[in-house]
Amino acid sequence: NLAQKISHYPFGWLILFTVFFVISFPPCVG
């Protein structure tokens, strides 16, 4: 359900893309 909500947002791809910047810093995981 979360994934579908994101995919229906106009800039949902940008949300996922931005999160990659966050989880690339230690000690983040995911």
PDB file of all heavy atoms in Angstrom:
ATOM      1  N   ASN A   1       0.830  -1.213   0.000  1.00  0.00           N
ATOM      2  CA  ASN A   1       0.000   0.000   0.000  1.00  0.00           C
ATOM      3  C   ASN A   1       0.865   1.264   0.000  1.00  0.00           C
ATOM      4  O   ASN A   1       0.560   2.240  -0.692  1.00  0.00           O
ATOM      5  CB  ASN A   1      -0.921   0.009   1.221  1.00  0.00           C
ATOM      6  CG  ASN A   1      -1.968  -1.099   1.160  1.00  0.00           C
ATOM      7  OD1 ASN A   1      -2.269  -1.618   0.078  1.00  0.00           O
ATOM      8  ND2 ASN A   1      -2.506  -1.477   2.308  1.00  0.00           N
ATOM      9  N   LEU A   2       1.946   1.225   0.795  1.00  0.00           N
ATOM     10  CA  LEU A   2       2.868   2.363   0.828  1.00  0.00           C
ATOM     11  C   LEU A   2       3.503   2.583  -0.539  1.00  0.00           C
ATOM     12  O   LEU A   2       3.590   3.725  -1.016  1.00  0.00           O
ATOM     13  CB  LEU A   2       3.956   2.122   1.880  1.00  0.00           C
ATOM     14  CG  LEU A   2       5.099   3.147   1.930  1.00  0.00           C
ATOM     15  CD1 LEU A   2       4.560   4.528   2.308  1.00  0.00           C
ATOM     16  CD2 LEU A   2       6.178   2.709   2.921  1.00  0.00           C
ATOM     17  N   ALA A   3       3.947   1.503  -1.162  1.00  0.00           N
ATOM     18  CA  ALA A   3       4.581   1.605  -2.470  1.00  0.00           C
ATOM     19  C   ALA A   3       3.614   2.155  -3.515  1.00  0.00           C
ATOM     20  O   ALA A   3       3.995   2.967  -4.371  1.00  0.00           O
ATOM     21  CB  ALA A   3       5.097   0.229  -2.901  1.00  0.00           C
ATOM     22  N   GLN A   4       2.354   1.723  -3.439  1.00  0.00           N
ATOM     23  CA  GLN A   4       1.362   2.218  -4.400  1.00  0.00           C
ATOM     24  C   GLN A   4       1.071   3.703  -4.206  1.00  0.00           C
ATOM     25  O   GLN A   4       0.882   4.448  -5.178  1.00  0.00           O
ATOM     26  CB  GLN A   4       0.072   1.401  -4.282  1.00  0.00           C
ATOM     27  CG  GLN A   4       0.205  -0.034  -4.759  1.00  0.00           C
ATOM     28  CD  GLN A   4       0.744  -0.123  -6.168  1.00  0.00           C
ATOM     29  OE1 GLN A   4       0.163   0.394  -7.118  1.00  0.00           O
ATOM     30  NE2 GLN A   4       1.893  -0.780  -6.329  1.00  0.00           N
ATOM     31  N   LYS A   5       1.039   4.146  -2.949  1.00  0.00           N
ATOM     32  CA  LYS A   5       0.845   5.569  -2.693  1.00  0.00           C
ATOM     33  C   LYS A   5       1.980   6.389  -3.285  1.00  0.00           C
ATOM     34  O   LYS A   5       1.759   7.429  -3.926  1.00  0.00           O
ATOM     35  CB  LYS A   5       0.748   5.832  -1.181  1.00  0.00           C
ATOM     36  CG  LYS A   5      -0.569   5.397  -0.549  1.00  0.00           C
ATOM     37  CD  LYS A   5      -0.580   5.760   0.934  1.00  0.00           C
ATOM     38  CE  LYS A   5      -1.899   5.353   1.573  1.00  0.00           C
ATOM     39  NZ  LYS A   5      -1.931   5.696   3.034  1.00  0.00           N
ATOM     40  N   ILE A   6       3.191   5.914  -3.077  1.00  0.00           N
ATOM     41  CA  ILE A   6       4.361   6.619  -3.608  1.00  0.00           C
ATOM     42  C   ILE A   6       4.322   6.668  -5.126  1.00  0.00           C
ATOM     43  O   ILE A   6       4.598   7.708  -5.743  1.00  0.00           O
ATOM     44  CB  ILE A   6       5.667   5.944  -3.128  1.00  0.00           C
ATOM     45  CG1 ILE A   6       5.825   6.112  -1.612  1.00  0.00           C
ATOM     46  CG2 ILE A   6       6.884   6.526  -3.859  1.00  0.00           C
ATOM     47  CD1 ILE A   6       7.019   5.378  -1.037  1.00  0.00           C
ATOM     48  N   SER A   7       3.961   5.559  -5.750  1.00  0.00           N
ATOM     49  CA  SER A   7       3.961   5.491  -7.214  1.00  0.00           C
ATOM     50  C   SER A   7       2.892   6.384  -7.835  1.00  0.00           C
ATOM     51  O   SER A   7       3.015   6.795  -8.998  1.00  0.00           O
ATOM     52  CB  SER A   7       3.760   4.046  -7.683  1.00  0.00           C
ATOM     53  OG  SER A   7       2.476   3.565  -7.311  1.00  0.00           O
ATOM     54  N   HIS A   8       1.852   6.704  -7.067  1.00  0.00           N
ATOM     55  CA  HIS A   8       0.782   7.558  -7.588  1.00  0.00           C
ATOM     56  C   HIS A   8       1.034   9.044  -7.333  1.00  0.00           C
ATOM     57  O   HIS A   8       0.295   9.893  -7.852  1.00  0.00           O
ATOM     58  CB  HIS A   8      -0.568   7.146  -6.993  1.00  0.00           C
ATOM     59  CG  HIS A   8      -1.119   5.875  -7.585  1.00  0.00           C
ATOM     60  ND1 HIS A   8      -0.765   4.625  -7.127  1.00  0.00           N
ATOM     61  CD2 HIS A   8      -1.972   5.667  -8.614  1.00  0.00           C
ATOM     62  CE1 HIS A   8      -1.393   3.699  -7.829  1.00  0.00           C
ATOM     63  NE2 HIS A   8      -2.137   4.304  -8.733  1.00  0.00           N
ATOM     64  N   TYR A   9       2.042   9.354  -6.534  1.00  0.00           N
ATOM     65  CA  TYR A   9       2.413  10.755  -6.362  1.00  0.00           C
ATOM     66  C   TYR A   9       3.091  11.253  -7.643  1.00  0.00           C
ATOM     67  O   TYR A   9       3.837  10.501  -8.290  1.00  0.00           O
ATOM     68  CB  TYR A   9       3.384  10.934  -5.195  1.00  0.00           C
ATOM     69  CG  TYR A   9       2.765  10.739  -3.835  1.00  0.00           C
ATOM     70  CD1 TYR A   9       3.525  10.242  -2.775  1.00  0.00           C
ATOM     71  CD2 TYR A   9       1.432  11.052  -3.583  1.00  0.00           C
ATOM     72  CE1 TYR A   9       2.975  10.061  -1.512  1.00  0.00           C
ATOM     73  CE2 TYR A   9       0.881  10.868  -2.332  1.00  0.00           C
ATOM     74  CZ  TYR A   9       1.648  10.372  -1.306  1.00  0.00           C
ATOM     75  OH  TYR A   9       1.093  10.191  -0.064  1.00  0.00           O
ATOM     76  N   PRO A  10       2.873  12.525  -8.017  1.00  0.00           N
ATOM     77  CA  PRO A  10       3.525  13.058  -9.223  1.00  0.00           C
ATOM     78  C   PRO A  10       5.051  12.958  -9.160  1.00  0.00           C
ATOM     79  O   PRO A  10       5.703  12.698 -10.162  1.00  0.00           O
ATOM     80  CB  PRO A  10       3.055  14.522  -9.257  1.00  0.00           C
ATOM     81  CG  PRO A  10       1.779  14.534  -8.481  1.00  0.00           C
ATOM     82  CD  PRO A  10       1.942  13.506  -7.419  1.00  0.00           C
ATOM     83  N   PHE A  11       5.607  13.178  -7.971  1.00  0.00           N
ATOM     84  CA  PHE A  11       7.051  13.108  -7.809  1.00  0.00           C
ATOM     85  C   PHE A  11       7.439  12.014  -6.810  1.00  0.00           C
ATOM     86  O   PHE A  11       8.377  12.176  -6.032  1.00  0.00           O
ATOM     87  CB  PHE A  11       7.598  14.467  -7.347  1.00  0.00           C
ATOM     88  CG  PHE A  11       7.409  15.558  -8.362  1.00  0.00           C
ATOM     89  CD1 PHE A  11       6.361  16.455  -8.237  1.00  0.00           C
ATOM     90  CD2 PHE A  11       8.265  15.671  -9.447  1.00  0.00           C
ATOM     91  CE1 PHE A  11       6.178  17.465  -9.174  1.00  0.00           C
ATOM     92  CE2 PHE A  11       8.095  16.667 -10.385  1.00  0.00           C
ATOM     93  CZ  PHE A  11       7.045  17.565 -10.254  1.00  0.00           C
ATOM     94  N   GLY A  12       6.717  10.905  -6.868  1.00  0.00           N
ATOM     95  CA  GLY A  12       7.004   9.798  -5.972  1.00  0.00           C
ATOM     96  C   GLY A  12       8.411   9.253  -6.171  1.00  0.00           C
ATOM     97  O   GLY A  12       9.094   8.886  -5.211  1.00  0.00           O
ATOM     98  N   TRP A  13       8.847   9.231  -7.425  1.00  0.00           N
ATOM     99  CA  TRP A  13      10.200   8.736  -7.722  1.00  0.00           C
ATOM    100  C   TRP A  13      11.265   9.600  -7.047  1.00  0.00           C
ATOM    101  O   TRP A  13      12.305   9.103  -6.620  1.00  0.00           O
ATOM    102  CB  TRP A  13      10.435   8.721  -9.232  1.00  0.00           C
ATOM    103  CG  TRP A  13      10.391  10.095  -9.862  1.00  0.00           C
ATOM    104  CD1 TRP A  13       9.297  10.722 -10.369  1.00  0.00           C
ATOM    105  CD2 TRP A  13      11.489  11.001 -10.011  1.00  0.00           C
ATOM    106  NE1 TRP A  13       9.627  11.984 -10.837  1.00  0.00           N
ATOM    107  CE2 TRP A  13      10.971  12.176 -10.637  1.00  0.00           C
ATOM    108  CE3 TRP A  13      12.839  10.960  -9.703  1.00  0.00           C
ATOM    109  CZ2 TRP A  13      11.774  13.278 -10.942  1.00  0.00           C
ATOM    110  CZ3 TRP A  13      13.643  12.051 -10.001  1.00  0.00           C
ATOM    111  CH2 TRP A  13      13.108  13.185 -10.621  1.00  0.00           C
ATOM    112  N   LEU A  14      10.962  10.907  -6.919  1.00  0.00           N
ATOM    113  CA  LEU A  14      11.919  11.822  -6.298  1.00  0.00           C
ATOM    114  C   LEU A  14      12.028  11.556  -4.800  1.00  0.00           C
ATOM    115  O   LEU A  14      13.100  11.732  -4.211  1.00  0.00           O
ATOM    116  CB  LEU A  14      11.490  13.261  -6.558  1.00  0.00           C
ATOM    117  CG  LEU A  14      12.453  14.362  -6.104  1.00  0.00           C
ATOM    118  CD1 LEU A  14      13.814  14.180  -6.767  1.00  0.00           C
ATOM    119  CD2 LEU A  14      11.880  15.747  -6.417  1.00  0.00           C
ATOM    120  N   ILE A  15      10.915  11.132  -4.188  1.00  0.00           N
ATOM    121  CA  ILE A  15      10.947  10.786  -2.763  1.00  0.00           C
ATOM    122  C   ILE A  15      11.906   9.624  -2.530  1.00  0.00           C
ATOM    123  O   ILE A  15      12.769   9.670  -1.654  1.00  0.00           O
ATOM    124  CB  ILE A  15       9.532  10.424  -2.269  1.00  0.00           C
ATOM    125  CG1 ILE A  15       8.600  11.632  -2.365  1.00  0.00           C
ATOM    126  CG2 ILE A  15       9.595   9.895  -0.831  1.00  0.00           C
ATOM    127  CD1 ILE A  15       7.156  11.328  -1.998  1.00  0.00           C
ATOM    128  N   LEU A  16      11.754   8.572  -3.336  1.00  0.00           N
ATOM    129  CA  LEU A  16      12.633   7.412  -3.201  1.00  0.00           C
ATOM    130  C   LEU A  16      14.087   7.786  -3.502  1.00  0.00           C
ATOM    131  O   LEU A  16      15.015   7.354  -2.799  1.00  0.00           O
ATOM    132  CB  LEU A  16      12.177   6.298  -4.144  1.00  0.00           C
ATOM    133  CG  LEU A  16      10.810   5.664  -3.831  1.00  0.00           C
ATOM    134  CD1 LEU A  16      10.438   4.664  -4.907  1.00  0.00           C
ATOM    135  CD2 LEU A  16      10.835   4.989  -2.471  1.00  0.00           C
ATOM    136  N   PHE A  17      14.278   8.585  -4.535  1.00  0.00           N
ATOM    137  CA  PHE A  17      15.621   9.004  -4.924  1.00  0.00           C
ATOM    138  C   PHE A  17      16.294   9.775  -3.789  1.00  0.00           C
ATOM    139  O   PHE A  17      17.477   9.572  -3.493  1.00  0.00           O
ATOM    140  CB  PHE A  17      15.539   9.868  -6.183  1.00  0.00           C
ATOM    141  CG  PHE A  17      16.870  10.371  -6.674  1.00  0.00           C
ATOM    142  CD1 PHE A  17      17.747   9.532  -7.347  1.00  0.00           C
ATOM    143  CD2 PHE A  17      17.248  11.694  -6.461  1.00  0.00           C
ATOM    144  CE1 PHE A  17      18.977   9.999  -7.800  1.00  0.00           C
ATOM    145  CE2 PHE A  17      18.470  12.169  -6.910  1.00  0.00           C
ATOM    146  CZ  PHE A  17      19.335  11.310  -7.585  1.00  0.00           C
ATOM    147  N   THR A  18      15.536  10.642  -3.114  1.00  0.00           N
ATOM    148  CA  THR A  18      16.084  11.446  -2.020  1.00  0.00           C
ATOM    149  C   THR A  18      16.444  10.589  -0.815  1.00  0.00           C
ATOM    150  O   THR A  18      17.463  10.832  -0.149  1.00  0.00           O
ATOM    151  CB  THR A  18      15.071  12.527  -1.602  1.00  0.00           C
ATOM    152  OG1 THR A  18      14.742  13.335  -2.738  1.00  0.00           O
ATOM    153  CG2 THR A  18      15.639  13.402  -0.500  1.00  0.00           C
ATOM    154  N   VAL A  19      15.615   9.587  -0.537  1.00  0.00           N
ATOM    155  CA  VAL A  19      15.884   8.720   0.619  1.00  0.00           C
ATOM    156  C   VAL A  19      17.209   7.989   0.446  1.00  0.00           C
ATOM    157  O   VAL A  19      17.895   7.695   1.438  1.00  0.00           O
ATOM    158  CB  VAL A  19      14.724   7.725   0.820  1.00  0.00           C
ATOM    159  CG1 VAL A  19      15.043   6.755   1.960  1.00  0.00           C
ATOM    160  CG2 VAL A  19      13.432   8.468   1.129  1.00  0.00           C
ATOM    161  N   PHE A  20      17.604   7.695  -0.790  1.00  0.00           N
ATOM    162  CA  PHE A  20      18.887   7.040  -1.031  1.00  0.00           C
ATOM    163  C   PHE A  20      20.047   7.885  -0.484  1.00  0.00           C
ATOM    164  O   PHE A  20      21.043   7.336   0.002  1.00  0.00           O
ATOM    165  CB  PHE A  20      19.105   6.788  -2.519  1.00  0.00           C
ATOM    166  CG  PHE A  20      18.506   5.501  -3.015  1.00  0.00           C
ATOM    167  CD1 PHE A  20      17.301   5.508  -3.708  1.00  0.00           C
ATOM    168  CD2 PHE A  20      19.136   4.289  -2.781  1.00  0.00           C
ATOM    169  CE1 PHE A  20      16.738   4.326  -4.168  1.00  0.00           C
ATOM    170  CE2 PHE A  20      18.587   3.107  -3.231  1.00  0.00           C
ATOM    171  CZ  PHE A  20      17.374   3.120  -3.928  1.00  0.00           C
ATOM    172  N   PHE A  21      19.931   9.202  -0.556  1.00  0.00           N
ATOM    173  CA  PHE A  21      20.975  10.074  -0.035  1.00  0.00           C
ATOM    174  C   PHE A  21      21.071   9.952   1.486  1.00  0.00           C
ATOM    175  O   PHE A  21      22.159  10.027   2.050  1.00  0.00           O
ATOM    176  CB  PHE A  21      20.692  11.525  -0.426  1.00  0.00           C
ATOM    177  CG  PHE A  21      21.013  11.839  -1.862  1.00  0.00           C
ATOM    178  CD1 PHE A  21      20.197  11.403  -2.879  1.00  0.00           C
ATOM    179  CD2 PHE A  21      22.142  12.572  -2.183  1.00  0.00           C
ATOM    180  CE1 PHE A  21      20.496  11.684  -4.206  1.00  0.00           C
ATOM    181  CE2 PHE A  21      22.455  12.866  -3.504  1.00  0.00           C
ATOM    182  CZ  PHE A  21      21.635  12.426  -4.522  1.00  0.00           C
ATOM    183  N   VAL A  22      19.923   9.758   2.144  1.00  0.00           N
ATOM    184  CA  VAL A  22      19.897   9.668   3.601  1.00  0.00           C
ATOM    185  C   VAL A  22      20.498   8.345   4.075  1.00  0.00           C
ATOM    186  O   VAL A  22      21.360   8.322   4.957  1.00  0.00           O
ATOM    187  CB  VAL A  22      18.459   9.815   4.131  1.00  0.00           C
ATOM    188  CG1 VAL A  22      18.429   9.654   5.655  1.00  0.00           C
ATOM    189  CG2 VAL A  22      17.876  11.161   3.726  1.00  0.00           C
ATOM    190  N   ILE A  23      20.061   7.232   3.472  1.00  0.00           N
ATOM    191  CA  ILE A  23      20.493   5.911   3.966  1.00  0.00           C
ATOM    192  C   ILE A  23      21.909   5.561   3.501  1.00  0.00           C
ATOM    193  O   ILE A  23      22.422   4.496   3.846  1.00  0.00           O
ATOM    194  CB  ILE A  23      19.496   4.812   3.545  1.00  0.00           C
ATOM    195  CG1 ILE A  23      19.282   4.766   2.032  1.00  0.00           C
ATOM    196  CG2 ILE A  23      18.180   5.015   4.263  1.00  0.00           C
ATOM    197  CD1 ILE A  23      20.170   3.829   1.297  1.00  0.00           C
ATOM    198  N   SER A  24      22.549   6.447   2.745  1.00  0.00           N
ATOM    199  CA  SER A  24      23.931   6.198   2.331  1.00  0.00           C
ATOM    200  C   SER A  24      24.936   6.660   3.385  1.00  0.00           C
ATOM    201  O   SER A  24      26.132   6.390   3.258  1.00  0.00           O
ATOM    202  CB  SER A  24      24.228   6.911   0.999  1.00  0.00           C
ATOM    203  OG  SER A  24      23.483   6.335  -0.049  1.00  0.00           O
ATOM    204  N   PHE A  25      24.450   7.368   4.418  1.00  0.00           N
ATOM    205  CA  PHE A  25      25.321   7.830   5.508  1.00  0.00           C
ATOM    206  C   PHE A  25      25.273   6.854   6.673  1.00  0.00           C
ATOM    207  O   PHE A  25      24.192   6.387   7.051  1.00  0.00           O
ATOM    208  CB  PHE A  25      24.883   9.213   6.005  1.00  0.00           C
ATOM    209  CG  PHE A  25      25.300  10.346   5.124  1.00  0.00           C
ATOM    210  CD1 PHE A  25      24.488  10.783   4.097  1.00  0.00           C
ATOM    211  CD2 PHE A  25      26.516  10.981   5.321  1.00  0.00           C
ATOM    212  CE1 PHE A  25      24.868  11.827   3.268  1.00  0.00           C
ATOM    213  CE2 PHE A  25      26.909  12.035   4.505  1.00  0.00           C
ATOM    214  CZ  PHE A  25      26.085  12.458   3.477  1.00  0.00           C
ATOM    215  N   PRO A  26      26.424   6.516   7.254  1.00  0.00           N
ATOM    216  CA  PRO A  26      26.415   5.673   8.451  1.00  0.00           C
ATOM    217  C   PRO A  26      25.873   6.457   9.641  1.00  0.00           C
ATOM    218  O   PRO A  26      26.040   7.677   9.686  1.00  0.00           O
ATOM    219  CB  PRO A  26      27.906   5.328   8.637  1.00  0.00           C
ATOM    220  CG  PRO A  26      28.641   6.462   7.986  1.00  0.00           C
ATOM    221  CD  PRO A  26      27.783   6.901   6.835  1.00  0.00           C
ATOM    222  N   PRO A  27      25.198   5.810  10.582  1.00  0.00           N
ATOM    223  CA  PRO A  27      24.979   4.357  10.671  1.00  0.00           C
ATOM    224  C   PRO A  27      23.632   3.915  10.112  1.00  0.00           C
ATOM    225  O   PRO A  27      23.056   2.929  10.606  1.00  0.00           O
ATOM    226  CB  PRO A  27      25.043   4.125  12.169  1.00  0.00           C
ATOM    227  CG  PRO A  27      24.411   5.366  12.747  1.00  0.00           C
ATOM    228  CD  PRO A  27      24.784   6.497  11.821  1.00  0.00           C
ATOM    229  N   CYS A  28      23.093   4.608   9.119  1.00  0.00           N
ATOM    230  CA  CYS A  28      21.786   4.249   8.563  1.00  0.00           C
ATOM    231  C   CYS A  28      21.841   2.876   7.894  1.00  0.00           C
ATOM    232  O   CYS A  28      22.882   2.434   7.418  1.00  0.00           O
ATOM    233  CB  CYS A  28      21.325   5.298   7.555  1.00  0.00           C
ATOM    234  SG  CYS A  28      21.067   6.933   8.260  1.00  0.00           S
ATOM    235  N   VAL A  29      20.701   2.217   7.858  1.00  0.00           N
ATOM    236  CA  VAL A  29      20.572   0.927   7.180  1.00  0.00           C
ATOM    237  C   VAL A  29      19.353   0.991   6.269  1.00  0.00           C
ATOM    238  O   VAL A  29      18.556   1.919   6.364  1.00  0.00           O
ATOM    239  CB  VAL A  29      20.406  -0.227   8.194  1.00  0.00           C
ATOM    240  CG1 VAL A  29      21.658  -0.392   9.032  1.00  0.00           C
ATOM    241  CG2 VAL A  29      19.188   0.011   9.100  1.00  0.00           C
ATOM    242  N   GLY A  30      19.233   0.000   5.389  1.00  0.00           N
ATOM    243  CA  GLY A  30      18.026  -0.084   4.576  1.00  0.00           C
ATOM    244  C   GLY A  30      18.239   0.087   3.088  1.00  0.00           C
ATOM    245  O   GLY A  30      17.270   0.275   2.349  1.00  0.00           O
TER     246      GLY A  30
END
